[in-house]
Amino acid sequence: AHSWLDLGLFVQNVMIAAGARGIAT
């Protein structure tokens, strides 16, 4: 589960980086 948490942090980063470029997710 701890590694799944790491994956979740990465997924959230994807959404933030996309949003900063005006791209929706």
mmCIF file of all heavy atoms, coordinates in Angstrom:
data_MODEL
# 
_entry.id   MODEL 
# 
loop_
_atom_site.group_PDB 
_atom_site.id 
_atom_site.type_symbol 
_atom_site.label_atom_id 
_atom_site.label_alt_id 
_atom_site.label_comp_id 
_atom_site.label_asym_id 
_atom_site.label_entity_id 
_atom_site.label_seq_id 
_atom_site.pdbx_PDB_ins_code 
_atom_site.Cartn_x 
_atom_site.Cartn_y 
_atom_site.Cartn_z 
_atom_site.occupancy 
_atom_site.B_iso_or_equiv 
_atom_site.pdbx_formal_charge 
_atom_site.auth_seq_id 
_atom_site.auth_comp_id 
_atom_site.auth_asym_id 
_atom_site.auth_atom_id 
_atom_site.pdbx_PDB_model_num 
ATOM 1   N N   . ALA A 1 1  ? 0.809   -1.220 0.000   1.00 0.00 ? 1  ALA A N   1 
ATOM 2   C CA  . ALA A 1 1  ? 0.000   0.000  0.000   1.00 0.00 ? 1  ALA A CA  1 
ATOM 3   C C   . ALA A 1 1  ? 0.840   1.265  0.000   1.00 0.00 ? 1  ALA A C   1 
ATOM 4   O O   . ALA A 1 1  ? 0.417   2.289  -0.553  1.00 0.00 ? 1  ALA A O   1 
ATOM 5   C CB  . ALA A 1 1  ? -0.930  -0.008 1.209   1.00 0.00 ? 1  ALA A CB  1 
ATOM 6   N N   . HIS A 1 2  ? 2.020   1.230  0.602   1.00 0.00 ? 2  HIS A N   1 
ATOM 7   C CA  . HIS A 1 2  ? 2.834   2.438  0.644   1.00 0.00 ? 2  HIS A CA  1 
ATOM 8   C C   . HIS A 1 2  ? 3.293   2.845  -0.754  1.00 0.00 ? 2  HIS A C   1 
ATOM 9   O O   . HIS A 1 2  ? 3.384   4.037  -1.075  1.00 0.00 ? 2  HIS A O   1 
ATOM 10  C CB  . HIS A 1 2  ? 4.036   2.227  1.571   1.00 0.00 ? 2  HIS A CB  1 
ATOM 11  C CG  . HIS A 1 2  ? 3.633   1.951  2.980   1.00 0.00 ? 2  HIS A CG  1 
ATOM 12  N ND1 . HIS A 1 2  ? 3.411   0.684  3.449   1.00 0.00 ? 2  HIS A ND1 1 
ATOM 13  C CD2 . HIS A 1 2  ? 3.373   2.796  4.012   1.00 0.00 ? 2  HIS A CD2 1 
ATOM 14  C CE1 . HIS A 1 2  ? 3.043   0.749  4.718   1.00 0.00 ? 2  HIS A CE1 1 
ATOM 15  N NE2 . HIS A 1 2  ? 3.008   2.011  5.087   1.00 0.00 ? 2  HIS A NE2 1 
ATOM 16  N N   . SER A 1 3  ? 3.585   1.871  -1.594  1.00 0.00 ? 3  SER A N   1 
ATOM 17  C CA  . SER A 1 3  ? 3.957   2.182  -2.973  1.00 0.00 ? 3  SER A CA  1 
ATOM 18  C C   . SER A 1 3  ? 2.754   2.671  -3.783  1.00 0.00 ? 3  SER A C   1 
ATOM 19  O O   . SER A 1 3  ? 2.903   3.498  -4.685  1.00 0.00 ? 3  SER A O   1 
ATOM 20  C CB  . SER A 1 3  ? 4.587   0.957  -3.648  1.00 0.00 ? 3  SER A CB  1 
ATOM 21  O OG  . SER A 1 3  ? 5.834   0.644  -3.056  1.00 0.00 ? 3  SER A OG  1 
ATOM 22  N N   . TRP A 1 4  ? 1.562   2.178  -3.441  1.00 0.00 ? 4  TRP A N   1 
ATOM 23  C CA  . TRP A 1 4  ? 0.356   2.690  -4.080  1.00 0.00 ? 4  TRP A CA  1 
ATOM 24  C C   . TRP A 1 4  ? 0.150   4.161  -3.718  1.00 0.00 ? 4  TRP A C   1 
ATOM 25  O O   . TRP A 1 4  ? -0.347  4.939  -4.534  1.00 0.00 ? 4  TRP A O   1 
ATOM 26  C CB  . TRP A 1 4  ? -0.860  1.857  -3.681  1.00 0.00 ? 4  TRP A CB  1 
ATOM 27  C CG  . TRP A 1 4  ? -0.951  0.559  -4.435  1.00 0.00 ? 4  TRP A CG  1 
ATOM 28  C CD1 . TRP A 1 4  ? -0.139  -0.520 -4.296  1.00 0.00 ? 4  TRP A CD1 1 
ATOM 29  C CD2 . TRP A 1 4  ? -1.891  0.227  -5.450  1.00 0.00 ? 4  TRP A CD2 1 
ATOM 30  N NE1 . TRP A 1 4  ? -0.524  -1.518 -5.156  1.00 0.00 ? 4  TRP A NE1 1 
ATOM 31  C CE2 . TRP A 1 4  ? -1.605  -1.096 -5.877  1.00 0.00 ? 4  TRP A CE2 1 
ATOM 32  C CE3 . TRP A 1 4  ? -2.966  0.899  -6.027  1.00 0.00 ? 4  TRP A CE3 1 
ATOM 33  C CZ2 . TRP A 1 4  ? -2.344  -1.738 -6.874  1.00 0.00 ? 4  TRP A CZ2 1 
ATOM 34  C CZ3 . TRP A 1 4  ? -3.710  0.238  -7.009  1.00 0.00 ? 4  TRP A CZ3 1 
ATOM 35  C CH2 . TRP A 1 4  ? -3.397  -1.047 -7.423  1.00 0.00 ? 4  TRP A CH2 1 
ATOM 36  N N   . LEU A 1 5  ? 0.530   4.531  -2.504  1.00 0.00 ? 5  LEU A N   1 
ATOM 37  C CA  . LEU A 1 5  ? 0.496   5.937  -2.127  1.00 0.00 ? 5  LEU A CA  1 
ATOM 38  C C   . LEU A 1 5  ? 1.424   6.748  -3.021  1.00 0.00 ? 5  LEU A C   1 
ATOM 39  O O   . LEU A 1 5  ? 1.060   7.832  -3.501  1.00 0.00 ? 5  LEU A O   1 
ATOM 40  C CB  . LEU A 1 5  ? 0.900   6.106  -0.659  1.00 0.00 ? 5  LEU A CB  1 
ATOM 41  C CG  . LEU A 1 5  ? 1.108   7.547  -0.170  1.00 0.00 ? 5  LEU A CG  1 
ATOM 42  C CD1 . LEU A 1 5  ? -0.178  8.357  -0.287  1.00 0.00 ? 5  LEU A CD1 1 
ATOM 43  C CD2 . LEU A 1 5  ? 1.605   7.554  1.279   1.00 0.00 ? 5  LEU A CD2 1 
ATOM 44  N N   . ASP A 1 6  ? 2.615   6.229  -3.288  1.00 0.00 ? 6  ASP A N   1 
ATOM 45  C CA  . ASP A 1 6  ? 3.551   6.907  -4.183  1.00 0.00 ? 6  ASP A CA  1 
ATOM 46  C C   . ASP A 1 6  ? 2.928   7.108  -5.565  1.00 0.00 ? 6  ASP A C   1 
ATOM 47  O O   . ASP A 1 6  ? 3.061   8.175  -6.172  1.00 0.00 ? 6  ASP A O   1 
ATOM 48  C CB  . ASP A 1 6  ? 4.840   6.096  -4.327  1.00 0.00 ? 6  ASP A CB  1 
ATOM 49  C CG  . ASP A 1 6  ? 5.597   5.949  -3.021  1.00 0.00 ? 6  ASP A CG  1 
ATOM 50  O OD1 . ASP A 1 6  ? 5.386   6.764  -2.113  1.00 0.00 ? 6  ASP A OD1 1 
ATOM 51  O OD2 . ASP A 1 6  ? 6.405   4.998  -2.917  1.00 0.00 ? 6  ASP A OD2 1 
ATOM 52  N N   . LEU A 1 7  ? 2.267   6.067  -6.057  1.00 0.00 ? 7  LEU A N   1 
ATOM 53  C CA  . LEU A 1 7  ? 1.600   6.183  -7.357  1.00 0.00 ? 7  LEU A CA  1 
ATOM 54  C C   . LEU A 1 7  ? 0.544   7.282  -7.319  1.00 0.00 ? 7  LEU A C   1 
ATOM 55  O O   . LEU A 1 7  ? 0.416   8.070  -8.267  1.00 0.00 ? 7  LEU A O   1 
ATOM 56  C CB  . LEU A 1 7  ? 0.958   4.851  -7.737  1.00 0.00 ? 7  LEU A CB  1 
ATOM 57  C CG  . LEU A 1 7  ? 0.093   4.858  -9.001  1.00 0.00 ? 7  LEU A CG  1 
ATOM 58  C CD1 . LEU A 1 7  ? 0.901   5.243  -10.228 1.00 0.00 ? 7  LEU A CD1 1 
ATOM 59  C CD2 . LEU A 1 7  ? -0.579  3.497  -9.198  1.00 0.00 ? 7  LEU A CD2 1 
ATOM 60  N N   . GLY A 1 8  ? -0.209  7.358  -6.219  1.00 0.00 ? 8  GLY A N   1 
ATOM 61  C CA  . GLY A 1 8  ? -1.225  8.402  -6.090  1.00 0.00 ? 8  GLY A CA  1 
ATOM 62  C C   . GLY A 1 8  ? -0.628  9.793  -6.123  1.00 0.00 ? 8  GLY A C   1 
ATOM 63  O O   . GLY A 1 8  ? -1.203  10.720 -6.717  1.00 0.00 ? 8  GLY A O   1 
ATOM 64  N N   . LEU A 1 9  ? 0.537   9.975  -5.492  1.00 0.00 ? 9  LEU A N   1 
ATOM 65  C CA  . LEU A 1 9  ? 1.201   11.270 -5.524  1.00 0.00 ? 9  LEU A CA  1 
ATOM 66  C C   . LEU A 1 9  ? 1.594   11.634 -6.955  1.00 0.00 ? 9  LEU A C   1 
ATOM 67  O O   . LEU A 1 9  ? 1.460   12.789 -7.383  1.00 0.00 ? 9  LEU A O   1 
ATOM 68  C CB  . LEU A 1 9  ? 2.442   11.235 -4.630  1.00 0.00 ? 9  LEU A CB  1 
ATOM 69  C CG  . LEU A 1 9  ? 2.178   11.068 -3.129  1.00 0.00 ? 9  LEU A CG  1 
ATOM 70  C CD1 . LEU A 1 9  ? 3.487   10.811 -2.388  1.00 0.00 ? 9  LEU A CD1 1 
ATOM 71  C CD2 . LEU A 1 9  ? 1.485   12.301 -2.565  1.00 0.00 ? 9  LEU A CD2 1 
ATOM 72  N N   . PHE A 1 10 ? 2.052   10.645 -7.702  1.00 0.00 ? 10 PHE A N   1 
ATOM 73  C CA  . PHE A 1 10 ? 2.414   10.877 -9.098  1.00 0.00 ? 10 PHE A CA  1 
ATOM 74  C C   . PHE A 1 10 ? 1.191   11.251 -9.925  1.00 0.00 ? 10 PHE A C   1 
ATOM 75  O O   . PHE A 1 10 ? 1.227   12.204 -10.724 1.00 0.00 ? 10 PHE A O   1 
ATOM 76  C CB  . PHE A 1 10 ? 3.090   9.629  -9.675  1.00 0.00 ? 10 PHE A CB  1 
ATOM 77  C CG  . PHE A 1 10 ? 3.346   9.710  -11.149 1.00 0.00 ? 10 PHE A CG  1 
ATOM 78  C CD1 . PHE A 1 10 ? 4.382   10.485 -11.652 1.00 0.00 ? 10 PHE A CD1 1 
ATOM 79  C CD2 . PHE A 1 10 ? 2.548   9.011  -12.047 1.00 0.00 ? 10 PHE A CD2 1 
ATOM 80  C CE1 . PHE A 1 10 ? 4.616   10.562 -13.021 1.00 0.00 ? 10 PHE A CE1 1 
ATOM 81  C CE2 . PHE A 1 10 ? 2.776   9.082  -13.413 1.00 0.00 ? 10 PHE A CE2 1 
ATOM 82  C CZ  . PHE A 1 10 ? 3.818   9.866  -13.901 1.00 0.00 ? 10 PHE A CZ  1 
ATOM 83  N N   . VAL A 1 11 ? 0.083   10.517 -9.742  1.00 0.00 ? 11 VAL A N   1 
ATOM 84  C CA  . VAL A 1 11 ? -1.145  10.805 -10.486 1.00 0.00 ? 11 VAL A CA  1 
ATOM 85  C C   . VAL A 1 11 ? -1.625  12.227 -10.199 1.00 0.00 ? 11 VAL A C   1 
ATOM 86  O O   . VAL A 1 11 ? -2.031  12.966 -11.107 1.00 0.00 ? 11 VAL A O   1 
ATOM 87  C CB  . VAL A 1 11 ? -2.236  9.767  -10.140 1.00 0.00 ? 11 VAL A CB  1 
ATOM 88  C CG1 . VAL A 1 11 ? -3.591  10.187 -10.716 1.00 0.00 ? 11 VAL A CG1 1 
ATOM 89  C CG2 . VAL A 1 11 ? -1.842  8.389  -10.666 1.00 0.00 ? 11 VAL A CG2 1 
ATOM 90  N N   . GLN A 1 12 ? -1.568  12.642 -8.930  1.00 0.00 ? 12 GLN A N   1 
ATOM 91  C CA  . GLN A 1 12 ? -1.953  14.009 -8.592  1.00 0.00 ? 12 GLN A CA  1 
ATOM 92  C C   . GLN A 1 12 ? -1.035  15.017 -9.273  1.00 0.00 ? 12 GLN A C   1 
ATOM 93  O O   . GLN A 1 12 ? -1.488  16.045 -9.786  1.00 0.00 ? 12 GLN A O   1 
ATOM 94  C CB  . GLN A 1 12 ? -1.910  14.203 -7.070  1.00 0.00 ? 12 GLN A CB  1 
ATOM 95  C CG  . GLN A 1 12 ? -2.200  15.625 -6.608  1.00 0.00 ? 12 GLN A CG  1 
ATOM 96  C CD  . GLN A 1 12 ? -3.670  16.019 -6.705  1.00 0.00 ? 12 GLN A CD  1 
ATOM 97  O OE1 . GLN A 1 12 ? -4.498  15.243 -7.147  1.00 0.00 ? 12 GLN A OE1 1 
ATOM 98  N NE2 . GLN A 1 12 ? -3.982  17.227 -6.299  1.00 0.00 ? 12 GLN A NE2 1 
ATOM 99  N N   . ASN A 1 13 ? 0.255   14.727 -9.322  1.00 0.00 ? 13 ASN A N   1 
ATOM 100 C CA  . ASN A 1 13 ? 1.194   15.622 -10.001 1.00 0.00 ? 13 ASN A CA  1 
ATOM 101 C C   . ASN A 1 13 ? 0.841   15.771 -11.479 1.00 0.00 ? 13 ASN A C   1 
ATOM 102 O O   . ASN A 1 13 ? 0.981   16.852 -12.054 1.00 0.00 ? 13 ASN A O   1 
ATOM 103 C CB  . ASN A 1 13 ? 2.624   15.098 -9.860  1.00 0.00 ? 13 ASN A CB  1 
ATOM 104 C CG  . ASN A 1 13 ? 3.351   15.691 -8.674  1.00 0.00 ? 13 ASN A CG  1 
ATOM 105 O OD1 . ASN A 1 13 ? 2.738   16.325 -7.815  1.00 0.00 ? 13 ASN A OD1 1 
ATOM 106 N ND2 . ASN A 1 13 ? 4.653   15.473 -8.610  1.00 0.00 ? 13 ASN A ND2 1 
ATOM 107 N N   . VAL A 1 14 ? 0.407   14.676 -12.107 1.00 0.00 ? 14 VAL A N   1 
ATOM 108 C CA  . VAL A 1 14 ? 0.004   14.748 -13.513 1.00 0.00 ? 14 VAL A CA  1 
ATOM 109 C C   . VAL A 1 14 ? -1.142  15.736 -13.677 1.00 0.00 ? 14 VAL A C   1 
ATOM 110 O O   . VAL A 1 14 ? -1.137  16.582 -14.588 1.00 0.00 ? 14 VAL A O   1 
ATOM 111 C CB  . VAL A 1 14 ? -0.399  13.356 -14.038 1.00 0.00 ? 14 VAL A CB  1 
ATOM 112 C CG1 . VAL A 1 14 ? -1.003  13.458 -15.443 1.00 0.00 ? 14 VAL A CG1 1 
ATOM 113 C CG2 . VAL A 1 14 ? 0.806   12.423 -14.061 1.00 0.00 ? 14 VAL A CG2 1 
ATOM 114 N N   . MET A 1 15 ? -2.123  15.664 -12.794 1.00 0.00 ? 15 MET A N   1 
ATOM 115 C CA  . MET A 1 15 ? -3.268  16.572 -12.893 1.00 0.00 ? 15 MET A CA  1 
ATOM 116 C C   . MET A 1 15 ? -2.854  18.020 -12.661 1.00 0.00 ? 15 MET A C   1 
ATOM 117 O O   . MET A 1 15 ? -3.348  18.937 -13.326 1.00 0.00 ? 15 MET A O   1 
ATOM 118 C CB  . MET A 1 15 ? -4.350  16.146 -11.905 1.00 0.00 ? 15 MET A CB  1 
ATOM 119 C CG  . MET A 1 15 ? -5.002  14.829 -12.270 1.00 0.00 ? 15 MET A CG  1 
ATOM 120 S SD  . MET A 1 15 ? -6.429  14.404 -11.233 1.00 0.00 ? 15 MET A SD  1 
ATOM 121 C CE  . MET A 1 15 ? -5.610  13.938 -9.712  1.00 0.00 ? 15 MET A CE  1 
ATOM 122 N N   . ILE A 1 16 ? -1.950  18.245 -11.718 1.00 0.00 ? 16 ILE A N   1 
ATOM 123 C CA  . ILE A 1 16 ? -1.498  19.611 -11.443 1.00 0.00 ? 16 ILE A CA  1 
ATOM 124 C C   . ILE A 1 16 ? -0.719  20.163 -12.632 1.00 0.00 ? 16 ILE A C   1 
ATOM 125 O O   . ILE A 1 16 ? -0.941  21.303 -13.070 1.00 0.00 ? 16 ILE A O   1 
ATOM 126 C CB  . ILE A 1 16 ? -0.625  19.645 -10.173 1.00 0.00 ? 16 ILE A CB  1 
ATOM 127 C CG1 . ILE A 1 16 ? -1.454  19.260 -8.944  1.00 0.00 ? 16 ILE A CG1 1 
ATOM 128 C CG2 . ILE A 1 16 ? -0.006  21.022 -9.971  1.00 0.00 ? 16 ILE A CG2 1 
ATOM 129 C CD1 . ILE A 1 16 ? -0.619  19.027 -7.702  1.00 0.00 ? 16 ILE A CD1 1 
ATOM 130 N N   . ALA A 1 17 ? 0.203   19.357 -13.169 1.00 0.00 ? 17 ALA A N   1 
ATOM 131 C CA  . ALA A 1 17 ? 1.008   19.814 -14.298 1.00 0.00 ? 17 ALA A CA  1 
ATOM 132 C C   . ALA A 1 17 ? 0.139   20.072 -15.522 1.00 0.00 ? 17 ALA A C   1 
ATOM 133 O O   . ALA A 1 17 ? 0.363   21.034 -16.271 1.00 0.00 ? 17 ALA A O   1 
ATOM 134 C CB  . ALA A 1 17 ? 2.095   18.784 -14.618 1.00 0.00 ? 17 ALA A CB  1 
ATOM 135 N N   . ALA A 1 18 ? -0.873  19.240 -15.738 1.00 0.00 ? 18 ALA A N   1 
ATOM 136 C CA  . ALA A 1 18 ? -1.784  19.463 -16.855 1.00 0.00 ? 18 ALA A CA  1 
ATOM 137 C C   . ALA A 1 18 ? -2.604  20.735 -16.629 1.00 0.00 ? 18 ALA A C   1 
ATOM 138 O O   . ALA A 1 18 ? -2.737  21.573 -17.529 1.00 0.00 ? 18 ALA A O   1 
ATOM 139 C CB  . ALA A 1 18 ? -2.709  18.263 -17.028 1.00 0.00 ? 18 ALA A CB  1 
ATOM 140 N N   . GLY A 1 19 ? -3.136  20.892 -15.416 1.00 0.00 ? 19 GLY A N   1 
ATOM 141 C CA  . GLY A 1 19 ? -3.935  22.073 -15.114 1.00 0.00 ? 19 GLY A CA  1 
ATOM 142 C C   . GLY A 1 19 ? -3.159  23.362 -15.275 1.00 0.00 ? 19 GLY A C   1 
ATOM 143 O O   . GLY A 1 19 ? -3.708  24.393 -15.701 1.00 0.00 ? 19 GLY A O   1 
ATOM 144 N N   . ALA A 1 20 ? -1.875  23.353 -14.953 1.00 0.00 ? 20 ALA A N   1 
ATOM 145 C CA  . ALA A 1 20 ? -1.045  24.543 -15.106 1.00 0.00 ? 20 ALA A CA  1 
ATOM 146 C C   . ALA A 1 20 ? -0.903  24.945 -16.565 1.00 0.00 ? 20 ALA A C   1 
ATOM 147 O O   . ALA A 1 20 ? -0.594  26.099 -16.877 1.00 0.00 ? 20 ALA A O   1 
ATOM 148 C CB  . ALA A 1 20 ? 0.338   24.299 -14.501 1.00 0.00 ? 20 ALA A CB  1 
ATOM 149 N N   . ARG A 1 21 ? -1.152  24.003 -17.463 1.00 0.00 ? 21 ARG A N   1 
ATOM 150 C CA  . ARG A 1 21 ? -1.079  24.258 -18.905 1.00 0.00 ? 21 ARG A CA  1 
ATOM 151 C C   . ARG A 1 21 ? -2.459  24.456 -19.521 1.00 0.00 ? 21 ARG A C   1 
ATOM 152 O O   . ARG A 1 21 ? -2.595  24.473 -20.752 1.00 0.00 ? 21 ARG A O   1 
ATOM 153 C CB  . ARG A 1 21 ? -0.349  23.090 -19.590 1.00 0.00 ? 21 ARG A CB  1 
ATOM 154 C CG  . ARG A 1 21 ? 1.128   23.025 -19.243 1.00 0.00 ? 21 ARG A CG  1 
ATOM 155 C CD  . ARG A 1 21 ? 1.735   21.680 -19.595 1.00 0.00 ? 21 ARG A CD  1 
ATOM 156 N NE  . ARG A 1 21 ? 3.190   21.685 -19.443 1.00 0.00 ? 21 ARG A NE  1 
ATOM 157 C CZ  . ARG A 1 21 ? 3.826   21.568 -18.283 1.00 0.00 ? 21 ARG A CZ  1 
ATOM 158 N NH1 . ARG A 1 21 ? 3.124   21.449 -17.154 1.00 0.00 ? 21 ARG A NH1 1 
ATOM 159 N NH2 . ARG A 1 21 ? 5.139   21.590 -18.231 1.00 0.00 ? 21 ARG A NH2 1 
ATOM 160 N N   . GLY A 1 22 ? -3.482  24.568 -18.683 1.00 0.00 ? 22 GLY A N   1 
ATOM 161 C CA  . GLY A 1 22 ? -4.836  24.772 -19.181 1.00 0.00 ? 22 GLY A CA  1 
ATOM 162 C C   . GLY A 1 22 ? -5.483  23.517 -19.721 1.00 0.00 ? 22 GLY A C   1 
ATOM 163 O O   . GLY A 1 22 ? -6.470  23.582 -20.457 1.00 0.00 ? 22 GLY A O   1 
ATOM 164 N N   . ILE A 1 23 ? -4.938  22.354 -19.352 1.00 0.00 ? 23 ILE A N   1 
ATOM 165 C CA  . ILE A 1 23 ? -5.445  21.075 -19.845 1.00 0.00 ? 23 ILE A CA  1 
ATOM 166 C C   . ILE A 1 23 ? -6.226  20.389 -18.731 1.00 0.00 ? 23 ILE A C   1 
ATOM 167 O O   . ILE A 1 23 ? -5.741  20.278 -17.608 1.00 0.00 ? 23 ILE A O   1 
ATOM 168 C CB  . ILE A 1 23 ? -4.285  20.186 -20.324 1.00 0.00 ? 23 ILE A CB  1 
ATOM 169 C CG1 . ILE A 1 23 ? -3.588  20.853 -21.517 1.00 0.00 ? 23 ILE A CG1 1 
ATOM 170 C CG2 . ILE A 1 23 ? -4.769  18.797 -20.696 1.00 0.00 ? 23 ILE A CG2 1 
ATOM 171 C CD1 . ILE A 1 23 ? -2.322  20.152 -21.962 1.00 0.00 ? 23 ILE A CD1 1 
ATOM 172 N N   . ALA A 1 24 ? -7.425  19.941 -19.054 1.00 0.00 ? 24 ALA A N   1 
ATOM 173 C CA  . ALA A 1 24 ? -8.311  19.323 -18.067 1.00 0.00 ? 24 ALA A CA  1 
ATOM 174 C C   . ALA A 1 24 ? -8.052  17.825 -17.971 1.00 0.00 ? 24 ALA A C   1 
ATOM 175 O O   . ALA A 1 24 ? -7.528  17.199 -18.903 1.00 0.00 ? 24 ALA A O   1 
ATOM 176 C CB  . ALA A 1 24 ? -9.767  19.579 -18.442 1.00 0.00 ? 24 ALA A CB  1 
ATOM 177 N N   . THR A 1 25 ? -8.436  17.245 -16.840 1.00 0.00 ? 25 THR A N   1 
ATOM 178 C CA  . THR A 1 25 ? -8.239  15.816 -16.599 1.00 0.00 ? 25 THR A CA  1 
ATOM 179 C C   . THR A 1 25 ? -9.418  15.244 -15.817 1.00 0.00 ? 25 THR A C   1 
ATOM 180 O O   . THR A 1 25 ? -10.207 15.979 -15.226 1.00 0.00 ? 25 THR A O   1 
ATOM 181 C CB  . THR A 1 25 ? -6.950  15.549 -15.788 1.00 0.00 ? 25 THR A CB  1 
ATOM 182 O OG1 . THR A 1 25 ? -6.999  16.314 -14.574 1.00 0.00 ? 25 THR A OG1 1 
ATOM 183 C CG2 . THR A 1 25 ? -5.697  15.918 -16.579 1.00 0.00 ? 25 THR A CG2 1 
# 
